[in-house]
Amino acid sequence: MNHDHDMTGLTVGDRDPELAKLLDRGLDAYNFAATGTGPEDQAEFSVKAVDPATGEVVGGITAWTWAGLLGIDMLWVHKDLTGNPAPEERENPRRN
């Protein structure tokens, strides 16, 4: 779904892989020049946690590093391992 705003030159819509690549290249060029770093200073990685008894994935992260920084894109831990009940299982104080 896209919606053009002809008067402003804006298009709002679904994820645009070509735009994402253009933005990524532009930000990299700016940041590399500003910090003296390069592509060798960045990486993407993931960590997957598997229950050895069942082989089931019970958690994980996707993340990136850049110039000594770490950014976590996504983090998920199976609800049985969080120590917190799922929202539907929590006690609602308004019901009391």
N, C-alpha and C. Protein backbone atom coordinates (compact mmCIF):
# COMPACT_ATOMS: atom_id res chain seq x y z
N MET A 1 0.85 -1.17 0.00
CA MET A 1 0.00 0.00 0.00
C MET A 1 0.89 1.24 0.00
N ASN A 2 0.68 2.11 -0.93
CA ASN A 2 1.40 3.37 -1.00
C ASN A 2 0.40 4.51 -1.08
N HIS A 3 0.81 5.63 -0.53
CA HIS A 3 -0.01 6.83 -0.62
C HIS A 3 0.91 7.98 -0.98
N ASP A 4 0.70 8.56 -2.16
CA ASP A 4 1.53 9.67 -2.62
C ASP A 4 0.97 10.99 -2.12
N HIS A 5 1.87 11.84 -1.69
CA HIS A 5 1.54 13.20 -1.31
C HIS A 5 2.17 14.10 -2.37
N ASP A 6 1.47 14.29 -3.48
CA ASP A 6 2.03 14.98 -4.64
C ASP A 6 2.57 16.37 -4.32
N MET A 7 1.93 17.09 -3.44
CA MET A 7 2.35 18.46 -3.16
C MET A 7 3.68 18.51 -2.41
N THR A 8 4.01 17.45 -1.68
CA THR A 8 5.22 17.47 -0.86
C THR A 8 6.33 16.59 -1.39
N GLY A 9 6.03 15.74 -2.37
CA GLY A 9 7.04 14.82 -2.89
C GLY A 9 7.26 13.62 -1.98
N LEU A 10 6.35 13.36 -1.06
CA LEU A 10 6.47 12.24 -0.13
C LEU A 10 5.62 11.06 -0.58
N THR A 11 6.14 9.87 -0.37
CA THR A 11 5.37 8.65 -0.57
C THR A 11 5.44 7.85 0.72
N VAL A 12 4.29 7.48 1.24
CA VAL A 12 4.21 6.67 2.45
C VAL A 12 3.70 5.31 2.04
N GLY A 13 4.37 4.26 2.47
CA GLY A 13 3.92 2.93 2.07
C GLY A 13 4.63 1.84 2.82
N ASP A 14 4.55 0.65 2.26
CA ASP A 14 5.17 -0.53 2.85
C ASP A 14 6.69 -0.40 2.78
N ARG A 15 7.36 -1.35 3.43
CA ARG A 15 8.83 -1.35 3.43
C ARG A 15 9.34 -1.30 2.00
N ASP A 16 10.34 -0.49 1.80
CA ASP A 16 10.92 -0.27 0.48
C ASP A 16 12.39 -0.69 0.52
N PRO A 17 12.70 -1.91 0.06
CA PRO A 17 14.09 -2.40 0.14
C PRO A 17 15.09 -1.50 -0.60
N GLU A 18 14.70 -0.92 -1.73
CA GLU A 18 15.62 -0.04 -2.45
C GLU A 18 15.91 1.22 -1.65
N LEU A 19 14.88 1.78 -1.02
CA LEU A 19 15.08 2.96 -0.17
C LEU A 19 15.97 2.61 1.02
N ALA A 20 15.74 1.44 1.62
CA ALA A 20 16.56 1.02 2.76
C ALA A 20 18.03 0.93 2.37
N LYS A 21 18.33 0.38 1.19
CA LYS A 21 19.72 0.29 0.72
C LYS A 21 20.32 1.68 0.51
N LEU A 22 19.53 2.58 -0.10
CA LEU A 22 20.01 3.94 -0.34
C LEU A 22 20.31 4.65 0.98
N LEU A 23 19.41 4.54 1.94
CA LEU A 23 19.63 5.16 3.25
C LEU A 23 20.84 4.56 3.95
N ASP A 24 20.98 3.25 3.88
CA ASP A 24 22.11 2.57 4.51
C ASP A 24 23.43 3.06 3.93
N ARG A 25 23.51 3.14 2.60
CA ARG A 25 24.73 3.62 1.95
C ARG A 25 25.02 5.08 2.33
N GLY A 26 23.98 5.91 2.35
CA GLY A 26 24.17 7.32 2.70
C GLY A 26 24.63 7.50 4.13
N LEU A 27 24.02 6.76 5.05
CA LEU A 27 24.43 6.86 6.46
C LEU A 27 25.84 6.32 6.66
N ASP A 28 26.16 5.21 6.00
CA ASP A 28 27.53 4.67 6.11
C ASP A 28 28.55 5.68 5.62
N ALA A 29 28.30 6.27 4.46
CA ALA A 29 29.26 7.24 3.92
C ALA A 29 29.46 8.41 4.88
N TYR A 30 28.38 8.93 5.41
CA TYR A 30 28.48 10.05 6.35
C TYR A 30 29.22 9.63 7.63
N ASN A 31 28.80 8.51 8.21
CA ASN A 31 29.40 8.07 9.48
C ASN A 31 30.86 7.66 9.33
N PHE A 32 31.22 6.99 8.23
CA PHE A 32 32.61 6.61 8.02
C PHE A 32 33.48 7.85 7.93
N ALA A 33 33.02 8.85 7.19
CA ALA A 33 33.80 10.08 7.04
C ALA A 33 33.90 10.83 8.38
N ALA A 34 32.82 10.84 9.14
CA ALA A 34 32.81 11.60 10.39
C ALA A 34 33.63 10.92 11.49
N THR A 35 33.77 9.60 11.44
CA THR A 35 34.41 8.88 12.54
C THR A 35 35.75 8.24 12.18
N GLY A 36 36.09 8.25 10.89
CA GLY A 36 37.33 7.60 10.48
C GLY A 36 37.25 6.09 10.52
N THR A 37 36.06 5.54 10.52
CA THR A 37 35.88 4.09 10.51
C THR A 37 35.52 3.66 9.10
N GLY A 38 35.39 2.34 8.91
CA GLY A 38 35.03 1.80 7.60
C GLY A 38 34.22 0.54 7.75
N PRO A 39 33.90 -0.10 6.63
CA PRO A 39 33.09 -1.31 6.67
C PRO A 39 33.67 -2.41 7.55
N GLU A 40 35.00 -2.43 7.70
CA GLU A 40 35.62 -3.45 8.55
C GLU A 40 35.29 -3.25 10.03
N ASP A 41 34.76 -2.09 10.38
CA ASP A 41 34.42 -1.79 11.77
C ASP A 41 32.96 -2.10 12.09
N GLN A 42 32.25 -2.76 11.19
CA GLN A 42 30.85 -3.08 11.46
C GLN A 42 30.57 -4.54 11.12
N ALA A 43 29.59 -5.10 11.81
CA ALA A 43 29.21 -6.49 11.56
C ALA A 43 27.78 -6.71 12.08
N GLU A 44 27.12 -7.71 11.53
CA GLU A 44 25.83 -8.16 12.04
C GLU A 44 26.03 -9.57 12.58
N PHE A 45 25.26 -9.91 13.61
CA PHE A 45 25.35 -11.27 14.14
C PHE A 45 24.06 -11.64 14.85
N SER A 46 23.95 -12.91 15.18
CA SER A 46 22.79 -13.40 15.92
C SER A 46 23.25 -14.40 16.97
N VAL A 47 22.43 -14.56 17.98
CA VAL A 47 22.66 -15.55 19.02
C VAL A 47 21.36 -16.32 19.18
N LYS A 48 21.43 -17.64 19.07
CA LYS A 48 20.24 -18.48 19.20
C LYS A 48 20.40 -19.38 20.41
N ALA A 49 19.39 -19.40 21.28
CA ALA A 49 19.39 -20.28 22.46
C ALA A 49 18.46 -21.46 22.19
N VAL A 50 18.99 -22.66 22.32
CA VAL A 50 18.24 -23.88 22.03
C VAL A 50 18.20 -24.75 23.27
N ASP A 51 17.02 -25.27 23.59
CA ASP A 51 16.87 -26.21 24.70
C ASP A 51 17.53 -27.51 24.25
N PRO A 52 18.60 -27.95 24.93
CA PRO A 52 19.30 -29.16 24.48
C PRO A 52 18.45 -30.42 24.60
N ALA A 53 17.46 -30.42 25.48
CA ALA A 53 16.63 -31.60 25.66
C ALA A 53 15.63 -31.77 24.53
N THR A 54 15.12 -30.65 23.98
CA THR A 54 14.07 -30.74 22.97
C THR A 54 14.50 -30.24 21.58
N GLY A 55 15.58 -29.49 21.52
CA GLY A 55 16.00 -28.89 20.26
C GLY A 55 15.19 -27.67 19.89
N GLU A 56 14.27 -27.26 20.77
CA GLU A 56 13.41 -26.10 20.52
C GLU A 56 14.19 -24.80 20.75
N VAL A 57 13.99 -23.84 19.84
CA VAL A 57 14.57 -22.52 20.03
C VAL A 57 13.79 -21.84 21.15
N VAL A 58 14.52 -21.39 22.18
CA VAL A 58 13.87 -20.78 23.35
C VAL A 58 14.25 -19.31 23.53
N GLY A 59 15.03 -18.78 22.59
CA GLY A 59 15.37 -17.38 22.67
C GLY A 59 16.44 -17.02 21.68
N GLY A 60 16.68 -15.72 21.58
CA GLY A 60 17.75 -15.28 20.70
C GLY A 60 17.76 -13.78 20.52
N ILE A 61 18.83 -13.32 19.88
CA ILE A 61 18.94 -11.91 19.53
C ILE A 61 19.48 -11.79 18.11
N THR A 62 19.13 -10.70 17.45
CA THR A 62 19.82 -10.26 16.25
C THR A 62 20.40 -8.91 16.59
N ALA A 63 21.63 -8.67 16.17
CA ALA A 63 22.32 -7.47 16.61
C ALA A 63 23.37 -7.04 15.60
N TRP A 64 23.98 -5.90 15.87
CA TRP A 64 25.04 -5.36 15.04
C TRP A 64 26.09 -4.70 15.92
N THR A 65 27.29 -4.60 15.38
CA THR A 65 28.34 -3.81 16.01
C THR A 65 28.83 -2.79 15.01
N TRP A 66 29.26 -1.66 15.52
CA TRP A 66 29.82 -0.62 14.67
C TRP A 66 30.70 0.26 15.54
N ALA A 67 31.96 0.37 15.15
CA ALA A 67 32.91 1.26 15.83
C ALA A 67 32.90 1.06 17.34
N GLY A 68 32.84 -0.18 17.78
CA GLY A 68 32.87 -0.47 19.20
C GLY A 68 31.53 -0.39 19.90
N LEU A 69 30.47 -0.13 19.16
CA LEU A 69 29.13 -0.06 19.74
C LEU A 69 28.37 -1.33 19.42
N LEU A 70 27.37 -1.64 20.25
CA LEU A 70 26.50 -2.78 20.03
C LEU A 70 25.06 -2.29 19.96
N GLY A 71 24.34 -2.74 18.96
CA GLY A 71 22.92 -2.43 18.86
C GLY A 71 22.14 -3.72 18.73
N ILE A 72 21.12 -3.89 19.53
CA ILE A 72 20.28 -5.08 19.46
C ILE A 72 19.03 -4.73 18.66
N ASP A 73 18.82 -5.45 17.55
CA ASP A 73 17.64 -5.24 16.73
C ASP A 73 16.43 -5.92 17.36
N MET A 74 16.57 -7.19 17.66
CA MET A 74 15.47 -7.96 18.25
C MET A 74 15.99 -8.87 19.35
N LEU A 75 15.18 -9.03 20.37
CA LEU A 75 15.47 -9.93 21.49
C LEU A 75 14.18 -10.66 21.82
N TRP A 76 14.26 -11.98 21.92
CA TRP A 76 13.08 -12.76 22.29
C TRP A 76 13.52 -13.89 23.20
N VAL A 77 12.74 -14.11 24.26
CA VAL A 77 12.94 -15.23 25.18
C VAL A 77 11.59 -15.89 25.37
N HIS A 78 11.55 -17.21 25.27
CA HIS A 78 10.30 -17.95 25.43
C HIS A 78 9.65 -17.57 26.76
N LYS A 79 8.35 -17.42 26.76
CA LYS A 79 7.62 -16.95 27.95
C LYS A 79 7.86 -17.82 29.17
N ASP A 80 8.11 -19.10 28.99
CA ASP A 80 8.35 -19.99 30.13
C ASP A 80 9.68 -19.71 30.82
N LEU A 81 10.56 -18.95 30.19
CA LEU A 81 11.89 -18.70 30.74
C LEU A 81 12.07 -17.27 31.23
N THR A 82 11.07 -16.43 31.09
CA THR A 82 11.24 -15.03 31.46
C THR A 82 11.05 -14.75 32.93
N GLY A 83 10.33 -15.62 33.63
CA GLY A 83 10.01 -15.36 35.03
C GLY A 83 8.82 -14.43 35.19
N ASN A 84 8.28 -13.97 34.08
CA ASN A 84 7.09 -13.11 34.10
C ASN A 84 5.96 -13.82 33.38
N PRO A 85 4.75 -13.76 33.93
CA PRO A 85 3.64 -14.38 33.21
C PRO A 85 3.28 -13.60 31.96
N ALA A 86 2.68 -14.30 31.01
CA ALA A 86 2.19 -13.64 29.80
C ALA A 86 1.10 -12.65 30.19
N PRO A 87 0.87 -11.60 29.40
CA PRO A 87 -0.12 -10.59 29.76
C PRO A 87 -1.48 -11.17 30.12
N GLU A 88 -1.92 -12.18 29.38
CA GLU A 88 -3.23 -12.76 29.67
C GLU A 88 -3.25 -13.56 30.97
N GLU A 89 -2.07 -13.90 31.50
CA GLU A 89 -1.99 -14.68 32.73
C GLU A 89 -1.74 -13.82 33.97
N ARG A 90 -1.50 -12.53 33.77
CA ARG A 90 -1.22 -11.65 34.90
C ARG A 90 -2.49 -11.33 35.67
N GLU A 91 -2.32 -11.14 36.96
CA GLU A 91 -3.46 -10.75 37.78
C GLU A 91 -3.81 -9.30 37.48
N ASN A 92 -5.06 -9.05 37.26
CA ASN A 92 -5.54 -7.70 36.96
C ASN A 92 -6.08 -7.09 38.23
N PRO A 93 -5.40 -6.09 38.83
CA PRO A 93 -5.86 -5.51 40.09
C PRO A 93 -7.25 -4.88 39.98
N ARG A 94 -7.66 -4.52 38.79
CA ARG A 94 -8.99 -3.91 38.63
C ARG A 94 -10.11 -4.92 38.82
N ARG A 95 -9.80 -6.20 38.68
CA ARG A 95 -10.83 -7.24 38.86
C ARG A 95 -11.11 -7.52 40.31
N ASN A 96 -10.22 -7.13 41.20
CA ASN A 96 -10.38 -7.43 42.63
C ASN A 96 -11.28 -6.44 43.31
